[in-house]
N, C-alpha and C. Protein backbone atom coordinates (compact mmCIF):
# COMPACT_ATOMS: atom_id res chain seq x y z
N TYR A 1 102.44 82.16 96.81
CA TYR A 1 101.05 82.05 97.09
C TYR A 1 100.19 82.07 95.76
N THR A 2 101.10 81.92 94.75
CA THR A 2 100.38 81.77 93.26
C THR A 2 100.73 80.54 92.76
N PRO A 3 99.86 79.54 92.44
CA PRO A 3 100.08 78.27 91.74
C PRO A 3 100.76 78.48 90.38
N ALA A 4 101.53 77.32 90.14
CA ALA A 4 102.37 77.27 88.83
C ALA A 4 101.28 77.41 87.82
N GLY A 5 101.66 78.06 86.69
CA GLY A 5 100.69 78.31 85.57
C GLY A 5 99.85 79.61 85.79
N LYS A 6 99.84 80.25 86.87
CA LYS A 6 99.12 81.54 87.16
C LYS A 6 100.01 82.56 86.96
N LYS A 7 99.51 83.96 86.68
CA LYS A 7 100.31 85.03 86.50
C LYS A 7 100.52 85.77 87.85
N VAL A 8 101.67 86.52 87.85
CA VAL A 8 102.08 87.56 88.88
C VAL A 8 102.60 88.78 87.93
N THR A 9 101.84 89.72 87.97
CA THR A 9 102.17 91.03 87.26
C THR A 9 102.75 92.03 88.22
N VAL A 10 103.81 92.76 87.62
CA VAL A 10 104.43 93.91 88.17
C VAL A 10 104.39 95.19 87.40
N SER A 11 104.06 96.23 87.63
CA SER A 11 104.07 97.37 86.99
C SER A 11 104.40 98.51 87.72
N LEU A 12 104.90 99.48 87.08
CA LEU A 12 105.02 100.88 87.58
C LEU A 12 104.67 101.94 86.78
N ALA A 13 103.80 102.93 87.32
CA ALA A 13 103.16 103.88 86.74
C ALA A 13 103.26 105.31 87.32
N LYS A 14 103.38 106.34 86.60
CA LYS A 14 103.35 107.60 87.00
C LYS A 14 101.94 108.22 87.33
N GLU A 15 101.51 108.41 88.51
CA GLU A 15 100.25 109.02 88.68
C GLU A 15 100.22 110.28 89.57
N ASN A 16 99.45 111.37 89.10
CA ASN A 16 99.58 112.64 89.57
C ASN A 16 101.12 112.96 89.88
N ALA A 17 101.47 113.31 91.02
CA ALA A 17 102.77 113.72 91.23
C ALA A 17 103.73 112.60 91.73
N GLY A 18 103.35 111.49 91.78
CA GLY A 18 104.14 110.16 92.23
C GLY A 18 104.08 109.12 91.45
N LEU A 19 104.61 108.02 91.96
CA LEU A 19 104.67 106.80 91.30
C LEU A 19 103.74 105.75 92.03
N VAL A 20 103.33 104.74 91.28
CA VAL A 20 102.56 103.81 91.91
C VAL A 20 103.11 102.23 91.43
N LEU A 21 103.50 101.53 92.30
CA LEU A 21 104.10 100.12 91.95
C LEU A 21 103.03 99.32 92.25
N THR A 22 102.57 98.37 91.36
CA THR A 22 101.53 97.45 91.62
C THR A 22 101.97 95.97 91.25
N ILE A 23 101.60 95.05 92.25
CA ILE A 23 101.90 93.66 92.19
C ILE A 23 100.68 92.99 92.22
N ALA A 24 100.31 92.40 91.40
CA ALA A 24 98.99 91.56 91.42
C ALA A 24 99.35 90.10 91.03
N ASP A 25 98.49 89.17 91.60
CA ASP A 25 98.64 87.82 91.37
C ASP A 25 97.16 87.02 91.21
N GLU A 26 97.20 85.90 90.58
CA GLU A 26 96.16 85.25 90.37
C GLU A 26 96.14 83.99 91.41
N GLY A 27 96.63 84.24 92.58
CA GLY A 27 96.79 83.29 93.64
C GLY A 27 95.55 82.87 94.57
N VAL A 28 95.98 82.45 95.79
CA VAL A 28 94.83 81.85 96.72
C VAL A 28 94.12 82.99 97.16
N GLY A 29 94.59 84.40 97.31
CA GLY A 29 93.93 85.34 97.88
C GLY A 29 93.86 85.33 99.44
N ILE A 30 93.44 86.37 100.14
CA ILE A 30 93.53 86.57 101.42
C ILE A 30 91.95 86.98 101.88
N ALA A 31 91.59 86.26 102.96
CA ALA A 31 90.31 86.56 103.45
C ALA A 31 90.12 88.07 104.21
N ALA A 32 88.99 88.55 103.83
CA ALA A 32 88.96 90.13 104.31
C ALA A 32 89.18 90.43 105.84
N ASP A 33 88.81 89.53 106.56
CA ASP A 33 88.97 89.67 108.01
C ASP A 33 90.41 89.61 108.47
N GLU A 34 91.29 89.03 107.73
CA GLU A 34 92.76 88.78 107.93
C GLU A 34 93.46 90.18 107.40
N LEU A 35 93.00 90.87 106.38
CA LEU A 35 93.70 92.03 105.88
C LEU A 35 94.16 93.22 106.91
N PRO A 36 93.52 93.30 108.00
CA PRO A 36 93.99 94.48 108.82
C PRO A 36 95.27 94.08 109.48
N ASN A 37 95.52 92.65 109.78
CA ASN A 37 96.83 92.23 110.43
C ASN A 37 97.96 91.93 109.39
N LEU A 38 97.63 92.10 108.17
CA LEU A 38 98.52 91.47 107.17
C LEU A 38 99.95 92.14 107.16
N PHE A 39 100.15 93.22 107.61
CA PHE A 39 101.36 93.96 107.66
C PHE A 39 102.11 94.13 109.03
N THR A 40 101.44 93.33 110.04
CA THR A 40 102.14 93.18 111.24
C THR A 40 103.36 92.01 111.37
N ARG A 41 104.25 92.20 112.09
CA ARG A 41 105.39 91.34 112.21
C ARG A 41 104.89 90.08 112.72
N TYR A 42 105.47 88.97 112.02
CA TYR A 42 105.09 87.52 112.42
C TYR A 42 103.55 87.18 112.19
N ALA A 43 102.81 88.03 111.33
CA ALA A 43 101.56 87.64 110.87
C ALA A 43 101.52 86.30 110.21
N ARG A 44 100.44 85.47 110.57
CA ARG A 44 100.12 84.16 110.02
C ARG A 44 98.71 84.47 109.58
N ILE A 45 98.30 83.99 108.35
CA ILE A 45 97.15 83.94 107.75
C ILE A 45 96.79 82.60 107.43
N SER A 46 95.50 82.42 106.98
CA SER A 46 95.00 80.99 106.66
C SER A 46 95.47 80.56 105.27
N SER A 47 95.75 81.68 104.25
CA SER A 47 96.25 81.28 102.92
C SER A 47 97.62 80.55 103.13
N LYS A 48 97.79 79.69 102.45
CA LYS A 48 99.18 78.92 102.51
C LYS A 48 99.94 78.85 101.18
N PRO A 49 101.37 79.03 101.21
CA PRO A 49 102.15 78.97 100.20
C PRO A 49 101.90 77.74 99.16
N THR A 50 101.96 77.96 97.80
CA THR A 50 101.58 77.04 97.04
C THR A 50 102.66 76.16 96.27
N GLY A 51 103.89 76.60 96.56
CA GLY A 51 104.95 75.98 95.95
C GLY A 51 106.00 75.25 97.10
N GLY A 52 105.48 75.07 98.07
CA GLY A 52 106.40 74.24 99.14
C GLY A 52 107.23 75.14 99.92
N GLU A 53 107.27 76.55 99.55
CA GLU A 53 107.93 77.56 100.43
C GLU A 53 107.48 77.63 101.76
N THR A 54 108.41 78.11 102.55
CA THR A 54 107.92 78.36 104.07
C THR A 54 107.64 80.17 104.17
N SER A 55 107.00 80.41 105.11
CA SER A 55 106.72 81.71 105.53
C SER A 55 107.03 81.98 106.93
N THR A 56 107.85 83.19 107.16
CA THR A 56 108.18 83.39 108.40
C THR A 56 107.17 84.56 108.97
N GLY A 57 106.53 85.12 108.04
CA GLY A 57 105.47 86.31 108.57
C GLY A 57 106.07 87.45 108.62
N LEU A 58 107.06 87.68 108.08
CA LEU A 58 107.98 88.92 108.09
C LEU A 58 107.89 89.80 106.85
N GLY A 59 107.71 89.20 105.59
CA GLY A 59 107.83 89.90 104.40
C GLY A 59 107.12 90.98 104.26
N LEU A 60 105.77 91.07 104.41
CA LEU A 60 104.99 92.19 104.34
C LEU A 60 105.05 93.22 105.43
N SER A 61 105.53 92.88 106.63
CA SER A 61 105.71 93.79 107.66
C SER A 61 106.89 94.62 107.30
N ILE A 62 108.05 94.01 106.59
CA ILE A 62 109.14 94.73 106.09
C ILE A 62 108.84 95.68 105.00
N VAL A 63 107.92 95.33 104.03
CA VAL A 63 107.50 95.97 103.13
C VAL A 63 106.94 97.52 103.70
N LYS A 64 106.16 97.12 104.50
CA LYS A 64 105.46 98.29 105.16
C LYS A 64 106.24 99.26 105.84
N ARG A 65 107.21 98.69 106.70
CA ARG A 65 108.26 99.56 107.13
C ARG A 65 109.10 100.31 106.40
N LEU A 66 109.55 99.73 105.28
CA LEU A 66 110.42 100.36 104.42
C LEU A 66 109.41 101.33 103.63
N ALA A 67 108.18 101.05 103.17
CA ALA A 67 107.40 102.22 102.85
C ALA A 67 107.20 103.32 103.59
N ASP A 68 106.87 103.18 104.88
CA ASP A 68 106.73 104.19 105.87
C ASP A 68 108.05 105.12 105.82
N GLU A 69 109.11 104.49 105.94
CA GLU A 69 110.42 105.28 106.01
C GLU A 69 110.56 106.14 104.70
N LEU A 70 109.95 105.62 103.59
CA LEU A 70 110.08 106.42 102.31
C LEU A 70 109.14 107.26 102.09
N GLY A 71 108.05 107.47 103.07
CA GLY A 71 106.87 108.23 102.93
C GLY A 71 105.92 107.58 102.00
N ALA A 72 105.90 106.39 101.71
CA ALA A 72 105.00 105.79 100.81
C ALA A 72 103.79 105.08 101.55
N GLU A 73 102.77 104.73 100.80
CA GLU A 73 101.68 104.08 101.39
C GLU A 73 101.41 102.74 100.72
N VAL A 74 101.15 101.64 101.42
CA VAL A 74 100.84 100.41 100.99
C VAL A 74 99.37 100.07 101.06
N LYS A 75 98.77 99.67 99.94
CA LYS A 75 97.42 99.32 99.84
C LYS A 75 97.32 97.70 99.41
N VAL A 76 96.14 97.04 99.75
CA VAL A 76 95.88 95.69 99.42
C VAL A 76 94.43 95.48 99.10
N LYS A 77 94.11 94.86 98.14
CA LYS A 77 92.87 94.23 97.85
C LYS A 77 92.95 92.80 97.40
N SER A 78 92.13 91.95 97.93
CA SER A 78 92.22 90.49 97.68
C SER A 78 90.85 89.80 97.85
N THR A 79 90.64 88.95 97.04
CA THR A 79 89.62 88.04 97.06
C THR A 79 89.96 86.68 97.16
N PRO A 80 89.64 85.78 97.99
CA PRO A 80 89.96 84.34 98.25
C PRO A 80 89.53 83.54 97.02
N GLY A 81 90.55 82.88 96.50
CA GLY A 81 90.25 82.08 95.34
C GLY A 81 90.66 82.91 94.03
N GLU A 82 90.76 84.19 94.11
CA GLU A 82 90.92 84.87 92.78
C GLU A 82 92.13 85.66 92.82
N GLY A 83 93.05 85.99 94.05
CA GLY A 83 94.22 86.60 94.10
C GLY A 83 94.23 87.85 94.78
N SER A 84 95.38 88.49 94.65
CA SER A 84 95.60 89.78 95.42
C SER A 84 96.13 90.78 94.51
N THR A 85 96.06 92.04 94.89
CA THR A 85 96.74 93.20 94.42
C THR A 85 97.31 93.92 95.36
N PHE A 86 98.56 94.20 95.37
CA PHE A 86 99.22 95.19 96.34
C PHE A 86 99.71 96.47 95.58
N TRP A 87 99.52 97.57 96.31
CA TRP A 87 100.11 98.86 95.63
C TRP A 87 100.93 99.48 96.53
N VAL A 88 102.13 99.97 96.04
CA VAL A 88 102.85 100.99 96.96
C VAL A 88 102.93 102.36 96.22
N VAL A 89 102.41 103.31 97.06
CA VAL A 89 102.15 104.74 96.41
C VAL A 89 103.23 105.56 96.87
N PHE A 90 104.08 105.96 96.04
CA PHE A 90 104.92 107.05 96.37
C PHE A 90 104.64 108.36 95.84
N SER A 91 104.57 109.26 96.93
CA SER A 91 103.86 110.76 96.67
C SER A 91 105.13 111.47 96.41
């Protein structure tokens, strides 16, 4: 979901008593009204892959399930046309 030539940044930081994994891109972004369903199984959103790849709608639901099992929290902020930032917060 990030066009060629744009950045995807991954970082890990210690915050308070835990760790925060951050993934940020300069991609197509996600509309605010689609964010609540983003982590549901087989979710399909209006944003389309940019490199010809296909989407099953399972990726983020798997991330959410694994985070829940590890006691972590997943957060997202996105602006259409500007990109998205995802955080996985491990307490």
